[in-house]
Each structure stands twice: as C-alpha cells, then as structure tokens.
Amino acid sequence: MEKQIDLRIQKTKKNIYESFVKLLEFHSFETIKVSEICEKAMINRSTFYAHFEDKYALLDSFIKDLKQELKSILDTNEDFSNIKEYYMRLLELLLEHIESKKDIYMEIMIHNRNSVAMDMIYDTLAEDVASKITKHQLNSSVPASFLSTFYLGAIFNIGMEWIRSGKYFSKEEILKYLDVLIVT
C-alpha cells in the first residue's frame, strides 16, 4: 500500500513539474500563478498545496531534483587515468544531461533567465571536481583549487553557451575542440 502511495505522489509531482515547464515556455516565472499550474496539470489547488507551499517551493524542489539527477550522472565518472580524461568525460556527461533535458534548460535558463538553475549546475560541477581531484589525487604542478577553478569555468561556460546558442556546435565538435585545448 505504501509503495502505491509513493508512486501516486511521484506521478503527481512529475505532472506538476511538466506542467510548470510547459507554462515557462510562454510565461515568465513571476507571472505564473498556482491556479495556472493546477489547471495545466489538471489537479486541484489542494493537491498542489499538499506537495508545495507555493510556486517558489515548487521551483526550489524542481531545481533540487534536477541537481540530484545531474549529481548521479556525474558520479558515474570514475574511470579515468589523468585530469584530461576526467574533464573530457565530465563535459560529455554534462552535455548529454543538458541534451536530455533541453526543454527544461531552455525554459528555465534561457527564456526565464533564472540564475538559480545556472548556480545549481555550477555548484554541482564544482562539488564533483573538488571531490574527484581529492579522491583520485590528480596531482599537478598547479594547486588543485586553481586547476579546478580554471577547468570548471571553461566547462561550465561551454555548457551554458551550448544551451544559449541553440547548440551551434555538435556535442562531438565541442569534445573534439576540448581534446585539443585541454592538456594532460
């Protein structure tokens, strides 16, 4: 019985998220009303409020879930022998994640200029870089904090530009160019 309830909660939450993203396509976050989210999701306001305090709590929950998903994907990046392999795979995973969630990122980050989502991606990448450099002892003649800040800035900005530009370059082209730019 409890599993069935959890499944219903998950489905309702997913439905609310999807409706929210669809509304962001045509409206700014500030102008969206809870009633519009409910109408789009075909739920009662009481159902919405059973899950979220308000639309800001919805946005916060949505961003946290997106962050957890990105973190889980980045956690798979464990098989590398040097810093270049790590960063190349990190960017590949980031671009794949962005591509799989392109509608979400376009609506939240580009159309609504929501810096919370951009901060989430940056913080998630920063946590991953810091933990991997420490865990795998990726030593260099450059201090780890300087090295991670340098590469993180490049990776983050390339990912954001890829979203903004409508993916002017293919994922493969970006990885090919970075293979030339990143030294071991």
C-alpha atoms as a PDB file:
ATOM      1  CA  MET A   1       0.000   0.000   0.000  1.00  0.00           C
ATOM      2  CA  GLU A   2       2.789   2.443   0.934  1.00  0.00           C
ATOM      3  CA  LYS A   3       4.579   1.820  -2.381  1.00  0.00           C
ATOM      4  CA  GLN A   4       1.367   2.626  -4.271  1.00  0.00           C
ATOM      5  CA  ILE A   5       1.039   5.919  -2.374  1.00  0.00           C
ATOM      6  CA  ASP A   6       4.655   6.801  -3.137  1.00  0.00           C
ATOM      7  CA  LEU A   7       4.046   6.075  -6.809  1.00  0.00           C
ATOM      8  CA  ARG A   8       0.995   8.341  -6.839  1.00  0.00           C
ATOM      9  CA  ILE A   9       2.971  11.090  -5.139  1.00  0.00           C
ATOM     10  CA  GLN A  10       5.785  10.714  -7.653  1.00  0.00           C
ATOM     11  CA  LYS A  11       3.365  10.786 -10.599  1.00  0.00           C
ATOM     12  CA  THR A  12       1.596  13.862  -9.258  1.00  0.00           C
ATOM     13  CA  LYS A  13       4.878  15.646  -8.629  1.00  0.00           C
ATOM     14  CA  LYS A  14       6.103  14.754 -12.127  1.00  0.00           C
ATOM     15  CA  ASN A  15       2.836  16.014 -13.612  1.00  0.00           C
ATOM     16  CA  ILE A  16       3.172  19.300 -11.728  1.00  0.00           C
ATOM     17  CA  TYR A  17       6.801  19.663 -12.868  1.00  0.00           C
ATOM     18  CA  GLU A  18       5.900  19.001 -16.504  1.00  0.00           C
ATOM     19  CA  SER A  19       3.008  21.466 -16.392  1.00  0.00           C
ATOM     20  CA  PHE A  20       5.256  24.042 -14.762  1.00  0.00           C
ATOM     21  CA  VAL A  21       7.899  23.684 -17.500  1.00  0.00           C
ATOM     22  CA  LYS A  22       5.245  23.959 -20.230  1.00  0.00           C
ATOM     23  CA  LEU A  23       3.991  27.198 -18.697  1.00  0.00           C
ATOM     24  CA  LEU A  24       7.541  28.565 -18.550  1.00  0.00           C
ATOM     25  CA  GLU A  25       7.710  28.220 -22.307  1.00  0.00           C
ATOM     26  CA  PHE A  26       5.241  31.074 -22.749  1.00  0.00           C
ATOM     27  CA  HIS A  27       5.310  32.937 -19.428  1.00  0.00           C
ATOM     28  CA  SER A  28       7.925  34.271 -17.068  1.00  0.00           C
ATOM     29  CA  PHE A  29       8.135  32.584 -13.685  1.00  0.00           C
ATOM     30  CA  GLU A  30       6.981  35.763 -11.967  1.00  0.00           C
ATOM     31  CA  THR A  31       3.713  35.881 -13.926  1.00  0.00           C
ATOM     32  CA  ILE A  32       2.747  32.225 -13.499  1.00  0.00           C
ATOM     33  CA  LYS A  33       0.019  31.637 -10.926  1.00  0.00           C
ATOM     34  CA  VAL A  34      -0.530  28.477  -8.909  1.00  0.00           C
ATOM     35  CA  SER A  35      -4.014  28.257 -10.404  1.00  0.00           C
ATOM     36  CA  GLU A  36      -2.484  28.092 -13.901  1.00  0.00           C
ATOM     37  CA  ILE A  37      -0.152  25.294 -12.837  1.00  0.00           C
ATOM     38  CA  CYS A  38      -3.110  23.413 -11.371  1.00  0.00           C
ATOM     39  CA  GLU A  39      -5.192  23.920 -14.489  1.00  0.00           C
ATOM     40  CA  LYS A  40      -2.379  22.736 -16.758  1.00  0.00           C
ATOM     41  CA  ALA A  41      -1.694  19.715 -14.511  1.00  0.00           C
ATOM     42  CA  MET A  42      -5.448  19.041 -14.156  1.00  0.00           C
ATOM     43  CA  ILE A  43      -5.264  18.936 -10.375  1.00  0.00           C
ATOM     44  CA  ASN A  44      -6.999  20.772  -7.545  1.00  0.00           C
ATOM     45  CA  ARG A  45      -5.238  23.578  -5.722  1.00  0.00           C
ATOM     46  CA  SER A  46      -5.371  21.449  -2.571  1.00  0.00           C
ATOM     47  CA  THR A  47      -3.343  18.764  -4.368  1.00  0.00           C
ATOM     48  CA  PHE A  48      -0.751  21.349  -5.350  1.00  0.00           C
ATOM     49  CA  TYR A  49      -0.541  22.677  -1.807  1.00  0.00           C
ATOM     50  CA  ALA A  50      -0.222  19.136  -0.435  1.00  0.00           C
ATOM     51  CA  HIS A  51       3.082  18.969  -2.317  1.00  0.00           C
ATOM     52  CA  PHE A  52       4.338  22.565  -2.338  1.00  0.00           C
ATOM     53  CA  GLU A  53       3.887  25.614  -0.143  1.00  0.00           C
ATOM     54  CA  ASP A  54       3.834  27.936  -3.173  1.00  0.00           C
ATOM     55  CA  LYS A  55       5.334  28.302  -6.641  1.00  0.00           C
ATOM     56  CA  TYR A  56       8.711  29.244  -5.128  1.00  0.00           C
ATOM     57  CA  ALA A  57       8.785  25.960  -3.216  1.00  0.00           C
ATOM     58  CA  LEU A  58       7.896  24.224  -6.494  1.00  0.00           C
ATOM     59  CA  LEU A  59      10.840  25.894  -8.253  1.00  0.00           C
ATOM     60  CA  ASP A  60      13.157  25.023  -5.359  1.00  0.00           C
ATOM     61  CA  SER A  61      12.057  21.381  -5.355  1.00  0.00           C
ATOM     62  CA  PHE A  62      12.336  21.180  -9.121  1.00  0.00           C
ATOM     63  CA  ILE A  63      15.896  22.580  -9.085  1.00  0.00           C
ATOM     64  CA  LYS A  64      16.907  20.244  -6.234  1.00  0.00           C
ATOM     65  CA  ASP A  65      15.611  17.213  -8.128  1.00  0.00           C
ATOM     66  CA  LEU A  66      17.427  18.356 -11.275  1.00  0.00           C
ATOM     67  CA  LYS A  67      20.616  18.797  -9.232  1.00  0.00           C
ATOM     68  CA  GLN A  68      20.314  15.311  -7.751  1.00  0.00           C
ATOM     69  CA  GLU A  69      19.868  13.846 -11.208  1.00  0.00           C
ATOM     70  CA  LEU A  70      22.949  15.686 -12.530  1.00  0.00           C
ATOM     71  CA  LYS A  71      24.959  14.637  -9.477  1.00  0.00           C
ATOM     72  CA  SER A  72      24.024  10.983 -10.015  1.00  0.00           C
ATOM     73  CA  ILE A  73      25.161  11.206 -13.625  1.00  0.00           C
ATOM     74  CA  LEU A  74      28.461  12.863 -12.694  1.00  0.00           C
ATOM     75  CA  ASP A  75      29.081  10.205 -10.038  1.00  0.00           C
ATOM     76  CA  THR A  76      29.483   7.667 -12.863  1.00  0.00           C
ATOM     77  CA  ASN A  77      32.661   9.436 -13.975  1.00  0.00           C
ATOM     78  CA  GLU A  78      35.154   7.278 -12.103  1.00  0.00           C
ATOM     79  CA  ASP A  79      37.149   5.551 -14.853  1.00  0.00           C
ATOM     80  CA  PHE A  80      39.953   7.921 -15.850  1.00  0.00           C
ATOM     81  CA  SER A  81      43.716   7.903 -15.591  1.00  0.00           C
ATOM     82  CA  ASN A  82      44.503  11.600 -15.825  1.00  0.00           C
ATOM     83  CA  ILE A  83      42.979  15.040 -15.434  1.00  0.00           C
ATOM     84  CA  LYS A  84      42.287  15.433 -19.148  1.00  0.00           C
ATOM     85  CA  GLU A  85      40.272  12.197 -19.329  1.00  0.00           C
ATOM     86  CA  TYR A  86      38.304  13.280 -16.275  1.00  0.00           C
ATOM     87  CA  TYR A  87      37.402  16.715 -17.660  1.00  0.00           C
ATOM     88  CA  MET A  88      36.594  15.368 -21.124  1.00  0.00           C
ATOM     89  CA  ARG A  89      34.188  12.820 -19.644  1.00  0.00           C
ATOM     90  CA  LEU A  90      32.758  15.435 -17.252  1.00  0.00           C
ATOM     91  CA  LEU A  91      31.871  17.715 -20.148  1.00  0.00           C
ATOM     92  CA  GLU A  92      30.487  14.814 -22.174  1.00  0.00           C
ATOM     93  CA  LEU A  93      28.216  13.830 -19.267  1.00  0.00           C
ATOM     94  CA  LEU A  94      27.135  17.443 -18.759  1.00  0.00           C
ATOM     95  CA  LEU A  95      26.274  17.905 -22.445  1.00  0.00           C
ATOM     96  CA  GLU A  96      24.364  14.606 -22.515  1.00  0.00           C
ATOM     97  CA  HIS A  97      22.404  15.675 -19.432  1.00  0.00           C
ATOM     98  CA  ILE A  98      21.629  19.081 -20.939  1.00  0.00           C
ATOM     99  CA  GLU A  99      20.593  17.450 -24.200  1.00  0.00           C
ATOM    100  CA  SER A 100      18.268  15.021 -22.418  1.00  0.00           C
ATOM    101  CA  LYS A 101      16.661  17.926 -20.538  1.00  0.00           C
ATOM    102  CA  LYS A 102      16.914  20.559 -23.265  1.00  0.00           C
ATOM    103  CA  ASP A 103      13.311  21.755 -22.890  1.00  0.00           C
ATOM    104  CA  ILE A 104      13.760  22.278 -19.179  1.00  0.00           C
ATOM    105  CA  TYR A 105      17.038  24.144 -19.503  1.00  0.00           C
ATOM    106  CA  MET A 106      15.763  26.275 -22.367  1.00  0.00           C
ATOM    107  CA  GLU A 107      12.673  27.342 -20.441  1.00  0.00           C
ATOM    108  CA  ILE A 108      14.249  27.900 -17.049  1.00  0.00           C
ATOM    109  CA  MET A 109      17.638  29.256 -18.005  1.00  0.00           C
ATOM    110  CA  ILE A 110      17.220  30.956 -21.337  1.00  0.00           C
ATOM    111  CA  HIS A 111      13.626  32.144 -21.603  1.00  0.00           C
ATOM    112  CA  ASN A 112      13.287  32.981 -17.914  1.00  0.00           C
ATOM    113  CA  ARG A 113      16.908  33.959 -17.207  1.00  0.00           C
ATOM    114  CA  ASN A 114      16.752  32.012 -13.949  1.00  0.00           C
ATOM    115  CA  SER A 115      20.164  32.150 -12.316  1.00  0.00           C
ATOM    116  CA  VAL A 116      19.122  29.580  -9.689  1.00  0.00           C
ATOM    117  CA  ALA A 117      19.372  26.826 -12.317  1.00  0.00           C
ATOM    118  CA  MET A 118      22.743  28.119 -13.515  1.00  0.00           C
ATOM    119  CA  ASP A 119      24.011  28.265  -9.947  1.00  0.00           C
ATOM    120  CA  MET A 120      22.792  24.699  -9.403  1.00  0.00           C
ATOM    121  CA  ILE A 121      24.760  23.415 -12.381  1.00  0.00           C
ATOM    122  CA  TYR A 122      27.881  25.324 -11.366  1.00  0.00           C
ATOM    123  CA  ASP A 123      27.690  24.160  -7.735  1.00  0.00           C
ATOM    124  CA  THR A 124      27.102  20.539  -8.774  1.00  0.00           C
ATOM    125  CA  LEU A 125      30.062  20.617 -11.142  1.00  0.00           C
ATOM    126  CA  ALA A 126      32.238  22.315  -8.504  1.00  0.00           C
ATOM    127  CA  GLU A 127      31.374  19.655  -5.911  1.00  0.00           C
ATOM    128  CA  ASP A 128      32.205  16.897  -8.384  1.00  0.00           C
ATOM    129  CA  VAL A 129      35.516  18.458  -9.437  1.00  0.00           C
ATOM    130  CA  ALA A 130      36.620  19.061  -5.843  1.00  0.00           C
ATOM    131  CA  SER A 131      35.746  15.529  -4.752  1.00  0.00           C
ATOM    132  CA  LYS A 132      37.365  13.837  -7.769  1.00  0.00           C
ATOM    133  CA  ILE A 133      40.595  15.842  -7.535  1.00  0.00           C
ATOM    134  CA  THR A 134      40.860  14.937  -3.858  1.00  0.00           C
ATOM    135  CA  LYS A 135      39.721  11.319  -4.194  1.00  0.00           C
ATOM    136  CA  HIS A 136      41.883  10.469  -7.189  1.00  0.00           C
ATOM    137  CA  GLN A 137      44.792  12.654  -6.124  1.00  0.00           C
ATOM    138  CA  LEU A 138      45.055  14.274  -9.519  1.00  0.00           C
ATOM    139  CA  ASN A 139      48.341  15.942  -8.819  1.00  0.00           C
ATOM    140  CA  SER A 140      49.835  18.628 -10.974  1.00  0.00           C
ATOM    141  CA  SER A 141      52.408  21.344 -10.683  1.00  0.00           C
ATOM    142  CA  VAL A 142      49.402  23.674 -10.284  1.00  0.00           C
ATOM    143  CA  PRO A 143      47.453  23.701  -6.999  1.00  0.00           C
ATOM    144  CA  ALA A 144      44.240  21.649  -7.183  1.00  0.00           C
ATOM    145  CA  SER A 145      41.996  24.593  -6.283  1.00  0.00           C
ATOM    146  CA  PHE A 146      43.446  26.731  -9.084  1.00  0.00           C
ATOM    147  CA  LEU A 147      43.274  23.869 -11.578  1.00  0.00           C
ATOM    148  CA  SER A 148      39.668  23.039 -10.717  1.00  0.00           C
ATOM    149  CA  THR A 149      38.561  26.683 -10.930  1.00  0.00           C
ATOM    150  CA  PHE A 150      40.247  27.072 -14.318  1.00  0.00           C
ATOM    151  CA  TYR A 151      38.715  23.978 -15.908  1.00  0.00           C
ATOM    152  CA  LEU A 152      35.373  24.372 -14.181  1.00  0.00           C
ATOM    153  CA  GLY A 153      34.984  27.861 -15.623  1.00  0.00           C
ATOM    154  CA  ALA A 154      35.674  26.558 -19.111  1.00  0.00           C
ATOM    155  CA  ILE A 155      33.384  23.541 -18.820  1.00  0.00           C
ATOM    156  CA  PHE A 156      30.527  25.491 -17.250  1.00  0.00           C
ATOM    157  CA  ASN A 157      30.704  28.322 -19.763  1.00  0.00           C
ATOM    158  CA  ILE A 158      30.914  25.974 -22.732  1.00  0.00           C
ATOM    159  CA  GLY A 159      27.832  24.122 -21.466  1.00  0.00           C
ATOM    160  CA  MET A 160      25.896  27.367 -20.942  1.00  0.00           C
ATOM    161  CA  GLU A 161      26.928  28.738 -24.324  1.00  0.00           C
ATOM    162  CA  TRP A 162      25.854  25.470 -25.945  1.00  0.00           C
ATOM    163  CA  ILE A 163      22.376  25.947 -24.467  1.00  0.00           C
ATOM    164  CA  ARG A 164      22.184  29.656 -25.344  1.00  0.00           C
ATOM    165  CA  SER A 165      23.424  29.251 -28.919  1.00  0.00           C
ATOM    166  CA  GLY A 166      20.924  26.573 -29.759  1.00  0.00           C
ATOM    167  CA  LYS A 167      23.738  24.036 -29.952  1.00  0.00           C
ATOM    168  CA  TYR A 168      25.580  25.756 -32.798  1.00  0.00           C
ATOM    169  CA  PHE A 169      28.335  23.169 -32.421  1.00  0.00           C
ATOM    170  CA  SER A 170      27.575  19.490 -32.066  1.00  0.00           C
ATOM    171  CA  LYS A 171      28.473  17.708 -28.866  1.00  0.00           C
ATOM    172  CA  GLU A 172      31.134  15.790 -30.792  1.00  0.00           C
ATOM    173  CA  GLU A 173      32.677  19.003 -32.185  1.00  0.00           C
ATOM    174  CA  ILE A 174      32.865  20.540 -28.716  1.00  0.00           C
ATOM    175  CA  LEU A 175      34.577  17.443 -27.326  1.00  0.00           C
ATOM    176  CA  LYS A 176      36.997  17.392 -30.281  1.00  0.00           C
ATOM    177  CA  TYR A 177      37.936  21.046 -29.710  1.00  0.00           C
ATOM    178  CA  LEU A 178      38.379  20.500 -25.981  1.00  0.00           C
ATOM    179  CA  ASP A 179      40.558  17.482 -26.652  1.00  0.00           C
ATOM    180  CA  VAL A 180      42.941  19.871 -28.389  1.00  0.00           C
ATOM    181  CA  LEU A 181      42.656  22.610 -25.744  1.00  0.00           C
ATOM    182  CA  ILE A 182      42.955  20.557 -22.545  1.00  0.00           C
ATOM    183  CA  VAL A 183      46.455  19.388 -21.763  1.00  0.00           C
ATOM    184  CA  THR A 184      47.308  16.450 -19.500  1.00  0.00           C
END
